[in-house]
Amino acid sequence: AIFGEKAREIRDTSLRVPHGEKGKVIGVKVFSRENNDDLPPGVNQLVKIFIAQKRKISEGDKISGRHGNKGVIAKILPEADMPFMSDGTPIEIVLNPLGVPSRMNVGQVLEVHLGWVAKTLGIRVITPIFNGAKEEEIEGALTEAGLPKDGKTILYDGRTGRPFDQKVTVGYSYILKLAHLVADKIHARSTGPYSLVTQQPLGGKAQFGGQRFGEMEVWALEGY
């Protein structure tokens, strides 16, 4: 019971960790009117608690380079099954070359070349936007590092050990893990809440909604 106040004037609006969430508290921040913090109307004090989790990367997680070259992981293989170079170094990530021509973000290819040079020579490279390394400079750097001028090398199939038909561009590149994890996005429903007006299922994971069947999905069924 709460003393000194009428029960109807106050309510418990405590925020609890959502069902199925867990983690480690990495920070607590307190905001209040007295400290002139920016608070919504009618709020005198606000406490923010930050919870962190370590997540192993999984298929369906979203990753990105620094050139808008984002995508989701299609398959995770044992290191032994990944393609490897002549000296036995296994490749860590294989990207689809079809992601480059139509988007015209060629910087990602040049970054891979320069990254290989930087790793081989043990140097750091800075290429400011609009004033970065020219292709000729990169070719020269590759030659200086004793690497193939075109930045390509023969790769071998990790499962058969046989070389691939064509040479493949390899190198080093920054890859970032984005906060779009498949475990947070997965959603399914059988029956659930419906909209009062349209009598159709609600939308979205938060509302335990249904999958929207748009025109194109209907066409797929019709075509089948």
Protein backbone atom coordinates (compact mmCIF):
# COMPACT_ATOMS: atom_id res chain seq x y z
CA ALA A 1 0.00 0.00 0.00
CA ILE A 2 1.06 3.59 -0.60
CA PHE A 3 0.59 5.99 2.32
CA GLY A 4 -0.11 9.68 2.29
CA GLU A 5 -1.58 9.80 -1.24
CA LYS A 6 -4.88 8.73 -2.68
CA ALA A 7 -4.37 5.62 -4.78
CA ARG A 8 -6.26 7.00 -7.80
CA GLU A 9 -3.90 9.97 -8.26
CA ILE A 10 -0.80 7.91 -8.91
CA ARG A 11 -0.03 4.85 -10.95
CA ASP A 12 2.90 2.49 -11.33
CA THR A 13 4.43 3.12 -14.75
CA SER A 14 7.64 1.22 -14.06
CA LEU A 15 9.39 0.05 -17.21
CA ARG A 16 10.46 -3.56 -16.97
CA VAL A 17 12.85 -5.48 -19.18
CA PRO A 18 10.75 -6.90 -22.05
CA HIS A 19 9.96 -10.60 -22.00
CA GLY A 20 12.87 -12.71 -23.23
CA GLU A 21 15.42 -9.89 -23.02
CA LYS A 22 18.51 -10.19 -20.87
CA GLY A 23 21.85 -8.47 -20.51
CA LYS A 24 24.32 -6.63 -18.34
CA VAL A 25 23.67 -3.11 -17.04
CA ILE A 26 26.42 -0.92 -18.51
CA GLY A 27 25.09 2.49 -17.50
CA VAL A 28 22.44 4.39 -15.54
CA LYS A 29 21.61 8.04 -16.28
CA VAL A 30 19.28 10.20 -14.20
CA PHE A 31 17.59 13.26 -15.74
CA SER A 32 15.59 15.74 -13.64
CA ARG A 33 13.88 19.14 -13.79
CA GLU A 34 16.32 20.55 -11.20
CA ASN A 35 19.29 19.92 -13.51
CA ASN A 36 17.43 21.65 -16.37
CA ASP A 37 17.45 18.43 -18.41
CA ASP A 38 15.23 18.27 -21.49
CA LEU A 39 12.21 16.25 -20.32
CA PRO A 40 8.77 15.62 -21.84
CA PRO A 41 5.87 17.65 -20.37
CA GLY A 42 4.57 16.32 -17.04
CA VAL A 43 7.78 14.39 -16.31
CA ASN A 44 9.87 15.52 -13.33
CA GLN A 45 12.51 12.82 -13.29
CA LEU A 46 13.67 10.22 -15.82
CA VAL A 47 16.02 7.30 -15.32
CA LYS A 48 17.62 5.60 -18.33
CA ILE A 49 19.25 2.20 -17.87
CA PHE A 50 21.47 0.80 -20.63
CA ILE A 51 21.65 -2.97 -21.01
CA ALA A 52 24.26 -4.62 -23.25
CA GLN A 53 24.38 -8.11 -24.66
CA LYS A 54 27.10 -10.04 -26.49
CA ARG A 55 25.63 -11.77 -29.52
CA LYS A 56 27.38 -14.31 -31.69
CA ILE A 57 26.93 -13.39 -35.34
CA SER A 58 24.42 -15.61 -37.12
CA GLU A 59 22.92 -16.18 -40.55
CA GLY A 60 20.48 -13.39 -41.37
CA ASP A 61 22.37 -10.75 -39.33
CA LYS A 62 23.05 -7.52 -41.20
CA ILE A 63 26.59 -6.29 -41.86
CA SER A 64 27.94 -3.40 -43.90
CA GLY A 65 31.11 -1.89 -45.28
CA ARG A 66 31.78 1.84 -45.44
CA HIS A 67 30.40 2.39 -48.93
CA GLY A 68 26.72 1.59 -48.47
CA ASN A 69 27.56 -2.03 -49.31
CA LYS A 70 25.23 -3.58 -46.76
CA GLY A 71 23.79 -7.07 -46.79
CA VAL A 72 22.79 -10.05 -44.71
CA ILE A 73 24.89 -13.13 -43.97
CA ALA A 74 23.74 -16.01 -46.17
CA LYS A 75 25.86 -18.82 -44.76
CA ILE A 76 28.44 -19.42 -42.04
CA LEU A 77 30.97 -22.18 -42.76
CA PRO A 78 33.74 -23.84 -40.77
CA GLU A 79 37.08 -22.16 -41.52
CA ALA A 80 38.29 -25.35 -43.24
CA ASP A 81 35.53 -25.09 -45.87
CA MET A 82 36.22 -21.44 -46.77
CA PRO A 83 38.26 -20.62 -49.89
CA PHE A 84 41.97 -20.16 -49.16
CA MET A 85 44.97 -18.46 -50.78
CA SER A 86 48.13 -20.12 -52.10
CA ASP A 87 49.88 -19.65 -48.73
CA GLY A 88 46.96 -21.31 -46.90
CA THR A 89 45.36 -18.11 -45.54
CA PRO A 90 41.58 -18.69 -45.37
CA ILE A 91 39.16 -16.01 -46.62
CA GLU A 92 36.94 -14.56 -43.87
CA ILE A 93 34.07 -13.01 -45.85
CA VAL A 94 32.95 -13.67 -49.42
CA LEU A 95 30.99 -10.82 -51.03
CA ASN A 96 28.85 -11.04 -54.16
CA PRO A 97 30.47 -9.07 -57.03
CA LEU A 98 26.99 -8.28 -58.41
CA GLY A 99 26.61 -5.82 -55.53
CA VAL A 100 29.11 -3.42 -57.13
CA PRO A 101 28.36 -2.49 -60.80
CA SER A 102 24.74 -1.33 -60.52
CA ARG A 103 25.39 0.67 -57.32
CA MET A 104 28.64 2.16 -58.67
CA ASN A 105 30.28 2.23 -55.21
CA VAL A 106 33.73 1.26 -56.50
CA GLY A 107 35.38 2.64 -53.36
CA GLN A 108 34.82 -0.70 -51.65
CA VAL A 109 37.04 -2.45 -54.23
CA LEU A 110 39.82 0.13 -53.91
CA GLU A 111 39.57 -0.10 -50.11
CA VAL A 112 40.17 -3.86 -50.32
CA HIS A 113 43.28 -3.30 -52.50
CA LEU A 114 44.72 -0.60 -50.24
CA GLY A 115 43.91 -2.65 -47.16
CA TRP A 116 45.99 -5.52 -48.53
CA VAL A 117 48.89 -3.14 -49.15
CA ALA A 118 48.60 -1.61 -45.66
CA LYS A 119 48.55 -5.06 -44.02
CA THR A 120 51.52 -6.32 -46.08
CA LEU A 121 53.72 -3.24 -45.56
CA GLY A 122 52.54 -2.63 -41.98
CA ILE A 123 51.53 0.96 -42.75
CA ARG A 124 48.44 3.12 -42.22
CA VAL A 125 46.65 4.74 -45.13
CA ILE A 126 44.51 7.89 -45.02
CA THR A 127 42.42 8.73 -48.09
CA PRO A 128 40.15 11.75 -47.45
CA ILE A 129 36.89 11.96 -49.39
CA PHE A 130 37.27 13.70 -52.82
CA ASN A 131 41.03 13.67 -52.25
CA GLY A 132 41.78 9.97 -51.90
CA ALA A 133 44.30 7.67 -53.56
CA LYS A 134 44.09 7.49 -57.36
CA GLU A 135 43.94 4.14 -59.12
CA GLU A 136 47.49 4.61 -60.43
CA GLU A 137 48.74 5.24 -56.88
CA ILE A 138 47.00 2.08 -55.67
CA GLU A 139 48.53 0.05 -58.52
CA GLY A 140 51.94 1.45 -57.62
CA ALA A 141 51.43 0.62 -53.95
CA LEU A 142 50.41 -2.96 -54.82
CA THR A 143 53.58 -3.38 -56.90
CA GLU A 144 55.69 -1.85 -54.11
CA ALA A 145 54.22 -4.35 -51.64
CA GLY A 146 55.10 -7.21 -53.99
CA LEU A 147 51.43 -8.00 -54.60
CA PRO A 148 49.70 -8.61 -57.96
CA LYS A 149 49.07 -5.29 -59.76
CA ASP A 150 45.39 -6.11 -60.30
CA GLY A 151 44.89 -7.06 -56.64
CA LYS A 152 43.67 -10.53 -57.63
CA THR A 153 45.00 -13.95 -56.73
CA ILE A 154 44.19 -17.60 -57.29
CA LEU A 155 41.87 -19.00 -54.62
CA TYR A 156 41.34 -22.66 -53.80
CA ASP A 157 38.04 -24.33 -52.88
CA GLY A 158 38.19 -25.19 -49.18
CA ARG A 159 36.20 -28.39 -49.65
CA THR A 160 37.92 -29.89 -52.72
CA GLY A 161 41.29 -28.10 -52.55
CA ARG A 162 41.08 -27.37 -56.29
CA PRO A 163 41.75 -23.85 -57.63
CA PHE A 164 38.85 -21.74 -58.94
CA ASP A 165 38.79 -21.01 -62.69
CA GLN A 166 39.28 -17.25 -62.38
CA LYS A 167 41.48 -15.10 -60.16
CA VAL A 168 39.62 -13.36 -57.32
CA THR A 169 40.04 -9.90 -55.75
CA VAL A 170 41.15 -10.31 -52.13
CA GLY A 171 42.25 -7.90 -49.42
CA TYR A 172 41.29 -6.21 -46.17
CA SER A 173 38.25 -4.03 -45.57
CA TYR A 174 36.33 -2.54 -42.64
CA ILE A 175 33.13 -4.50 -42.01
CA LEU A 176 30.62 -3.30 -39.41
CA LYS A 177 27.93 -5.32 -37.67
CA LEU A 178 24.65 -3.40 -37.75
CA ALA A 179 22.04 -3.43 -35.01
CA HIS A 180 19.57 -5.40 -37.16
CA LEU A 181 19.85 -8.89 -35.74
CA VAL A 182 17.70 -11.68 -37.13
CA ALA A 183 16.92 -12.97 -33.62
CA ASP A 184 15.20 -9.64 -32.84
CA LYS A 185 13.30 -9.55 -36.13
CA ILE A 186 11.95 -13.11 -36.29
CA HIS A 187 8.17 -13.17 -35.88
CA ALA A 188 5.32 -15.60 -36.45
CA ARG A 189 1.64 -15.72 -35.59
CA SER A 190 -1.36 -18.02 -35.98
CA THR A 191 -4.43 -16.10 -34.79
CA GLY A 192 -4.07 -12.86 -32.92
CA PRO A 193 -5.45 -9.33 -32.57
CA TYR A 194 -7.48 -7.75 -35.38
CA SER A 195 -8.13 -4.12 -36.25
CA LEU A 196 -11.54 -2.96 -34.98
CA VAL A 197 -12.22 -0.96 -38.13
CA THR A 198 -11.04 -3.20 -40.99
CA GLN A 199 -11.24 -6.55 -39.18
CA GLN A 200 -7.82 -7.31 -40.64
CA PRO A 201 -4.87 -8.52 -38.54
CA LEU A 202 -2.74 -5.78 -36.99
CA GLY A 203 0.72 -5.11 -38.42
CA GLY A 204 4.14 -5.49 -36.86
CA LYS A 205 5.93 -7.66 -34.34
CA ALA A 206 5.12 -5.38 -31.39
CA GLN A 207 1.37 -5.79 -32.00
CA PHE A 208 1.73 -9.54 -32.62
CA GLY A 209 0.53 -8.77 -36.13
CA GLY A 210 0.26 -10.72 -39.37
CA GLN A 211 2.46 -10.68 -42.48
CA ARG A 212 1.22 -8.17 -45.02
CA PHE A 213 0.26 -9.85 -48.28
CA GLY A 214 0.79 -7.11 -50.83
CA GLU A 215 0.18 -7.01 -54.58
CA MET A 216 3.51 -8.60 -55.40
CA GLU A 217 3.01 -11.49 -52.97
CA VAL A 218 -0.41 -12.11 -54.52
CA TRP A 219 1.21 -12.17 -57.97
CA ALA A 220 3.69 -14.77 -56.73
CA LEU A 221 0.80 -17.02 -55.65
CA GLU A 222 -1.08 -16.38 -58.90
CA GLY A 223 2.04 -17.18 -60.90
CA TYR A 224 2.49 -20.42 -58.98
